[in-house]
Amino acid sequence: MEDTHAIAFRLPRRDHEKAPHSHALPLIADTEMTVTAAQLRRARRHLRDLVDEIDLLATGVAA
């Protein structure tokens, strides 16, 4: 049996009221760097969009 190691990335972001939001992303250590980088980019964009939507709703810009 082969050992596989998991790495957990927690991506932080704060909204307009400085409230913390985060997204946890578990990854397998044996994954290629390009795949890991792509997964991190997607997770970062997802969190950014989520917090941006919260900010827009709070300012009344989004319907």
PDB file of N, CA and C in Angstrom:
ATOM      1  N   MET A   1       0.842  -1.178   0.000  1.00  0.00           N
ATOM      2  CA  MET A   1       0.000   0.000   0.000  1.00  0.00           C
ATOM      3  C   MET A   1       0.882   1.234   0.000  1.00  0.00           C
ATOM      4  N   GLU A   2       0.550   2.174  -0.849  1.00  0.00           N
ATOM      5  CA  GLU A   2       1.340   3.390  -0.996  1.00  0.00           C
ATOM      6  C   GLU A   2       0.843   4.466  -0.039  1.00  0.00           C
ATOM      7  N   ASP A   3       1.780   5.177   0.571  1.00  0.00           N
ATOM      8  CA  ASP A   3       1.404   6.279   1.452  1.00  0.00           C
ATOM      9  C   ASP A   3       0.996   7.486   0.618  1.00  0.00           C
ATOM     10  N   THR A   4      -0.136   8.053   0.940  1.00  0.00           N
ATOM     11  CA  THR A   4      -0.547   9.309   0.316  1.00  0.00           C
ATOM     12  C   THR A   4      -0.754  10.320   1.429  1.00  0.00           C
ATOM     13  N   HIS A   5      -0.309  11.505   1.189  1.00  0.00           N
ATOM     14  CA  HIS A   5      -0.406  12.552   2.189  1.00  0.00           C
ATOM     15  C   HIS A   5      -1.365  13.620   1.701  1.00  0.00           C
ATOM     16  N   ALA A   6      -2.185  14.075   2.586  1.00  0.00           N
ATOM     17  CA  ALA A   6      -3.133  15.130   2.256  1.00  0.00           C
ATOM     18  C   ALA A   6      -2.637  16.452   2.833  1.00  0.00           C
ATOM     19  N   ILE A   7      -2.893  17.501   2.091  1.00  0.00           N
ATOM     20  CA  ILE A   7      -2.556  18.849   2.515  1.00  0.00           C
ATOM     21  C   ILE A   7      -3.851  19.648   2.492  1.00  0.00           C
ATOM     22  N   ALA A   8      -4.104  20.389   3.546  1.00  0.00           N
ATOM     23  CA  ALA A   8      -5.312  21.216   3.593  1.00  0.00           C
ATOM     24  C   ALA A   8      -4.913  22.684   3.488  1.00  0.00           C
ATOM     25  N   PHE A   9      -5.423  23.345   2.463  1.00  0.00           N
ATOM     26  CA  PHE A   9      -5.210  24.778   2.308  1.00  0.00           C
ATOM     27  C   PHE A   9      -6.459  25.484   2.799  1.00  0.00           C
ATOM     28  N   ARG A  10      -6.274  26.518   3.576  1.00  0.00           N
ATOM     29  CA  ARG A  10      -7.398  27.345   4.009  1.00  0.00           C
ATOM     30  C   ARG A  10      -7.157  28.732   3.441  1.00  0.00           C
ATOM     31  N   LEU A  11      -8.065  29.162   2.572  1.00  0.00           N
ATOM     32  CA  LEU A  11      -7.944  30.448   1.913  1.00  0.00           C
ATOM     33  C   LEU A  11      -8.800  31.476   2.655  1.00  0.00           C
ATOM     34  N   PRO A  12      -8.203  32.540   3.197  1.00  0.00           N
ATOM     35  CA  PRO A  12      -8.969  33.532   3.942  1.00  0.00           C
ATOM     36  C   PRO A  12      -9.340  34.739   3.078  1.00  0.00           C
ATOM     37  N   ARG A  13     -10.420  35.396   3.454  1.00  0.00           N
ATOM     38  CA  ARG A  13     -10.822  36.655   2.825  1.00  0.00           C
ATOM     39  C   ARG A  13     -11.780  37.355   3.778  1.00  0.00           C
ATOM     40  N   ARG A  14     -11.751  38.680   3.797  1.00  0.00           N
ATOM     41  CA  ARG A  14     -12.635  39.462   4.663  1.00  0.00           C
ATOM     42  C   ARG A  14     -13.598  40.277   3.814  1.00  0.00           C
ATOM     43  N   ASP A  15     -14.809  40.442   4.333  1.00  0.00           N
ATOM     44  CA  ASP A  15     -15.795  41.238   3.620  1.00  0.00           C
ATOM     45  C   ASP A  15     -15.702  42.707   4.048  1.00  0.00           C
ATOM     46  N   HIS A  16     -16.667  43.507   3.622  1.00  0.00           N
ATOM     47  CA  HIS A  16     -16.639  44.947   3.887  1.00  0.00           C
ATOM     48  C   HIS A  16     -16.720  45.294   5.372  1.00  0.00           C
ATOM     49  N   GLU A  17     -17.259  44.401   6.171  1.00  0.00           N
ATOM     50  CA  GLU A  17     -17.335  44.617   7.618  1.00  0.00           C
ATOM     51  C   GLU A  17     -16.167  43.955   8.353  1.00  0.00           C
ATOM     52  N   LYS A  18     -15.200  43.511   7.608  1.00  0.00           N
ATOM     53  CA  LYS A  18     -14.009  42.830   8.140  1.00  0.00           C
ATOM     54  C   LYS A  18     -14.324  41.476   8.759  1.00  0.00           C
ATOM     55  N   ALA A  19     -15.470  40.915   8.422  1.00  0.00           N
ATOM     56  CA  ALA A  19     -15.811  39.579   8.903  1.00  0.00           C
ATOM     57  C   ALA A  19     -15.028  38.550   8.088  1.00  0.00           C
ATOM     58  N   PRO A  20     -14.418  37.587   8.755  1.00  0.00           N
ATOM     59  CA  PRO A  20     -13.616  36.604   8.024  1.00  0.00           C
ATOM     60  C   PRO A  20     -14.478  35.541   7.324  1.00  0.00           C
ATOM     61  N   HIS A  21     -14.059  35.175   6.162  1.00  0.00           N
ATOM     62  CA  HIS A  21     -14.647  34.079   5.401  1.00  0.00           C
ATOM     63  C   HIS A  21     -13.479  33.214   4.951  1.00  0.00           C
ATOM     64  N   SER A  22     -13.701  31.923   4.845  1.00  0.00           N
ATOM     65  CA  SER A  22     -12.615  31.061   4.390  1.00  0.00           C
ATOM     66  C   SER A  22     -13.169  29.903   3.587  1.00  0.00           C
ATOM     67  N   HIS A  23     -12.277  29.301   2.850  1.00  0.00           N
ATOM     68  CA  HIS A  23     -12.616  28.132   2.042  1.00  0.00           C
ATOM     69  C   HIS A  23     -11.512  27.115   2.263  1.00  0.00           C
ATOM     70  N   ALA A  24     -11.862  25.935   2.729  1.00  0.00           N
ATOM     71  CA  ALA A  24     -10.876  24.882   2.944  1.00  0.00           C
ATOM     72  C   ALA A  24     -10.796  24.014   1.692  1.00  0.00           C
ATOM     73  N   LEU A  25      -9.583  23.708   1.307  1.00  0.00           N
ATOM     74  CA  LEU A  25      -9.360  22.907   0.109  1.00  0.00           C
ATOM     75  C   LEU A  25      -8.392  21.774   0.426  1.00  0.00           C
ATOM     76  N   PRO A  26      -8.898  20.548   0.573  1.00  0.00           N
ATOM     77  CA  PRO A  26      -7.992  19.422   0.810  1.00  0.00           C
ATOM     78  C   PRO A  26      -7.405  18.933  -0.521  1.00  0.00           C
ATOM     79  N   LEU A  27      -6.112  18.720  -0.532  1.00  0.00           N
ATOM     80  CA  LEU A  27      -5.423  18.250  -1.735  1.00  0.00           C
ATOM     81  C   LEU A  27      -4.541  17.063  -1.378  1.00  0.00           C
ATOM     82  N   ILE A  28      -4.285  16.241  -2.360  1.00  0.00           N
ATOM     83  CA  ILE A  28      -3.379  15.101  -2.199  1.00  0.00           C
ATOM     84  C   ILE A  28      -1.968  15.573  -2.569  1.00  0.00           C
ATOM     85  N   ALA A  29      -1.008  15.256  -1.747  1.00  0.00           N
ATOM     86  CA  ALA A  29       0.357  15.741  -1.928  1.00  0.00           C
ATOM     87  C   ALA A  29       0.993  15.220  -3.219  1.00  0.00           C
ATOM     88  N   ASP A  30       0.547  14.076  -3.717  1.00  0.00           N
ATOM     89  CA  ASP A  30       1.154  13.486  -4.909  1.00  0.00           C
ATOM     90  C   ASP A  30       0.651  14.116  -6.213  1.00  0.00           C
ATOM     91  N   THR A  31      -0.279  15.037  -6.129  1.00  0.00           N
ATOM     92  CA  THR A  31      -0.856  15.656  -7.317  1.00  0.00           C
ATOM     93  C   THR A  31       0.172  16.575  -7.974  1.00  0.00           C
ATOM     94  N   GLU A  32       0.137  16.641  -9.282  1.00  0.00           N
ATOM     95  CA  GLU A  32       1.058  17.517 -10.014  1.00  0.00           C
ATOM     96  C   GLU A  32       0.837  18.963  -9.619  1.00  0.00           C
ATOM     97  N   MET A  33       1.915  19.748  -9.664  1.00  0.00           N
ATOM     98  CA  MET A  33       1.840  21.156  -9.265  1.00  0.00           C
ATOM     99  C   MET A  33       0.876  21.955 -10.133  1.00  0.00           C
ATOM    100  N   THR A  34       0.813  21.655 -11.424  1.00  0.00           N
ATOM    101  CA  THR A  34      -0.083  22.419 -12.296  1.00  0.00           C
ATOM    102  C   THR A  34      -1.542  22.164 -11.938  1.00  0.00           C
ATOM    103  N   VAL A  35      -1.857  20.932 -11.569  1.00  0.00           N
ATOM    104  CA  VAL A  35      -3.221  20.592 -11.167  1.00  0.00           C
ATOM    105  C   VAL A  35      -3.549  21.254  -9.830  1.00  0.00           C
ATOM    106  N   THR A  36      -2.609  21.203  -8.892  1.00  0.00           N
ATOM    107  CA  THR A  36      -2.807  21.842  -7.589  1.00  0.00           C
ATOM    108  C   THR A  36      -2.993  23.340  -7.751  1.00  0.00           C
ATOM    109  N   ALA A  37      -2.178  23.966  -8.586  1.00  0.00           N
ATOM    110  CA  ALA A  37      -2.289  25.404  -8.815  1.00  0.00           C
ATOM    111  C   ALA A  37      -3.646  25.761  -9.417  1.00  0.00           C
ATOM    112  N   ALA A  38      -4.121  24.960 -10.348  1.00  0.00           N
ATOM    113  CA  ALA A  38      -5.424  25.213 -10.961  1.00  0.00           C
ATOM    114  C   ALA A  38      -6.549  25.078  -9.932  1.00  0.00           C
ATOM    115  N   GLN A  39      -6.457  24.081  -9.065  1.00  0.00           N
ATOM    116  CA  GLN A  39      -7.472  23.896  -8.031  1.00  0.00           C
ATOM    117  C   GLN A  39      -7.460  25.065  -7.044  1.00  0.00           C
ATOM    118  N   LEU A  40      -6.275  25.543  -6.685  1.00  0.00           N
ATOM    119  CA  LEU A  40      -6.180  26.685  -5.785  1.00  0.00           C
ATOM    120  C   LEU A  40      -6.735  27.952  -6.424  1.00  0.00           C
ATOM    121  N   ARG A  41      -6.459  28.145  -7.717  1.00  0.00           N
ATOM    122  CA  ARG A  41      -7.012  29.316  -8.420  1.00  0.00           C
ATOM    123  C   ARG A  41      -8.522  29.280  -8.442  1.00  0.00           C
ATOM    124  N   ARG A  42      -9.096  28.106  -8.743  1.00  0.00           N
ATOM    125  CA  ARG A  42     -10.559  27.980  -8.754  1.00  0.00           C
ATOM    126  C   ARG A  42     -11.154  28.258  -7.379  1.00  0.00           C
ATOM    127  N   ALA A  43     -10.526  27.728  -6.334  1.00  0.00           N
ATOM    128  CA  ALA A  43     -11.021  27.940  -4.973  1.00  0.00           C
ATOM    129  C   ALA A  43     -10.912  29.408  -4.574  1.00  0.00           C
ATOM    130  N   ARG A  44      -9.815  30.054  -4.958  1.00  0.00           N
ATOM    131  CA  ARG A  44      -9.631  31.472  -4.639  1.00  0.00           C
ATOM    132  C   ARG A  44     -10.675  32.321  -5.349  1.00  0.00           C
ATOM    133  N   ARG A  45     -10.927  32.026  -6.610  1.00  0.00           N
ATOM    134  CA  ARG A  45     -11.947  32.769  -7.367  1.00  0.00           C
ATOM    135  C   ARG A  45     -13.341  32.539  -6.803  1.00  0.00           C
ATOM    136  N   HIS A  46     -13.629  31.303  -6.395  1.00  0.00           N
ATOM    137  CA  HIS A  46     -14.922  30.999  -5.796  1.00  0.00           C
ATOM    138  C   HIS A  46     -15.126  31.821  -4.522  1.00  0.00           C
ATOM    139  N   LEU A  47     -14.120  31.844  -3.653  1.00  0.00           N
ATOM    140  CA  LEU A  47     -14.210  32.604  -2.413  1.00  0.00           C
ATOM    141  C   LEU A  47     -14.324  34.096  -2.709  1.00  0.00           C
ATOM    142  N   ARG A  48     -13.551  34.588  -3.673  1.00  0.00           N
ATOM    143  CA  ARG A  48     -13.627  35.999  -4.044  1.00  0.00           C
ATOM    144  C   ARG A  48     -15.027  36.359  -4.511  1.00  0.00           C
ATOM    145  N   ASP A  49     -15.607  35.534  -5.381  1.00  0.00           N
ATOM    146  CA  ASP A  49     -16.949  35.801  -5.887  1.00  0.00           C
ATOM    147  C   ASP A  49     -17.987  35.758  -4.774  1.00  0.00           C
ATOM    148  N   LEU A  50     -17.843  34.822  -3.859  1.00  0.00           N
ATOM    149  CA  LEU A  50     -18.771  34.709  -2.738  1.00  0.00           C
ATOM    150  C   LEU A  50     -18.737  35.960  -1.868  1.00  0.00           C
ATOM    151  N   VAL A  51     -17.542  36.402  -1.497  1.00  0.00           N
ATOM    152  CA  VAL A  51     -17.411  37.577  -0.639  1.00  0.00           C
ATOM    153  C   VAL A  51     -17.814  38.842  -1.396  1.00  0.00           C
ATOM    154  N   ASP A  52     -17.504  38.926  -2.670  1.00  0.00           N
ATOM    155  CA  ASP A  52     -17.922  40.086  -3.465  1.00  0.00           C
ATOM    156  C   ASP A  52     -19.440  40.179  -3.533  1.00  0.00           C
ATOM    157  N   GLU A  53     -20.099  39.047  -3.650  1.00  0.00           N
ATOM    158  CA  GLU A  53     -21.563  39.057  -3.678  1.00  0.00           C
ATOM    159  C   GLU A  53     -22.136  39.522  -2.336  1.00  0.00           C
ATOM    160  N   ILE A  54     -21.529  39.091  -1.248  1.00  0.00           N
ATOM    161  CA  ILE A  54     -21.943  39.554   0.077  1.00  0.00           C
ATOM    162  C   ILE A  54     -21.784  41.071   0.173  1.00  0.00           C
ATOM    163  N   ASP A  55     -20.647  41.573  -0.302  1.00  0.00           N
ATOM    164  CA  ASP A  55     -20.396  43.017  -0.264  1.00  0.00           C
ATOM    165  C   ASP A  55     -21.402  43.783  -1.120  1.00  0.00           C
ATOM    166  N   LEU A  56     -21.699  43.277  -2.305  1.00  0.00           N
ATOM    167  CA  LEU A  56     -22.651  43.956  -3.192  1.00  0.00           C
ATOM    168  C   LEU A  56     -24.046  43.962  -2.607  1.00  0.00           C
ATOM    169  N   LEU A  57     -24.453  42.854  -2.016  1.00  0.00           N
ATOM    170  CA  LEU A  57     -25.774  42.797  -1.380  1.00  0.00           C
ATOM    171  C   LEU A  57     -25.858  43.780  -0.214  1.00  0.00           C
ATOM    172  N   ALA A  58     -24.778  43.915   0.540  1.00  0.00           N
ATOM    173  CA  ALA A  58     -24.765  44.811   1.695  1.00  0.00           C
ATOM    174  C   ALA A  58     -24.831  46.280   1.272  1.00  0.00           C
ATOM    175  N   THR A  59     -24.256  46.592   0.115  1.00  0.00           N
ATOM    176  CA  THR A  59     -24.277  47.975  -0.345  1.00  0.00           C
ATOM    177  C   THR A  59     -25.517  48.276  -1.170  1.00  0.00           C
ATOM    178  N   GLY A  60     -26.302  47.255  -1.472  1.00  0.00           N
ATOM    179  CA  GLY A  60     -27.542  47.467  -2.226  1.00  0.00           C
ATOM    180  C   GLY A  60     -27.347  47.545  -3.723  1.00  0.00           C
ATOM    181  N   VAL A  61     -26.195  47.193  -4.216  1.00  0.00           N
ATOM    182  CA  VAL A  61     -25.902  47.257  -5.648  1.00  0.00           C
ATOM    183  C   VAL A  61     -26.519  46.079  -6.383  1.00  0.00           C
ATOM    184  N   ALA A  62     -26.438  44.899  -5.809  1.00  0.00           N
ATOM    185  CA  ALA A  62     -26.969  43.698  -6.452  1.00  0.00           C
ATOM    186  C   ALA A  62     -28.461  43.553  -6.149  1.00  0.00           C
ATOM    187  N   ALA A  63     -29.183  43.025  -7.125  1.00  0.00           N
ATOM    188  CA  ALA A  63     -30.634  42.835  -6.922  1.00  0.00           C
ATOM    189  C   ALA A  63     -30.927  41.447  -6.423  1.00  0.00           C
TER     190      ALA A  63
END
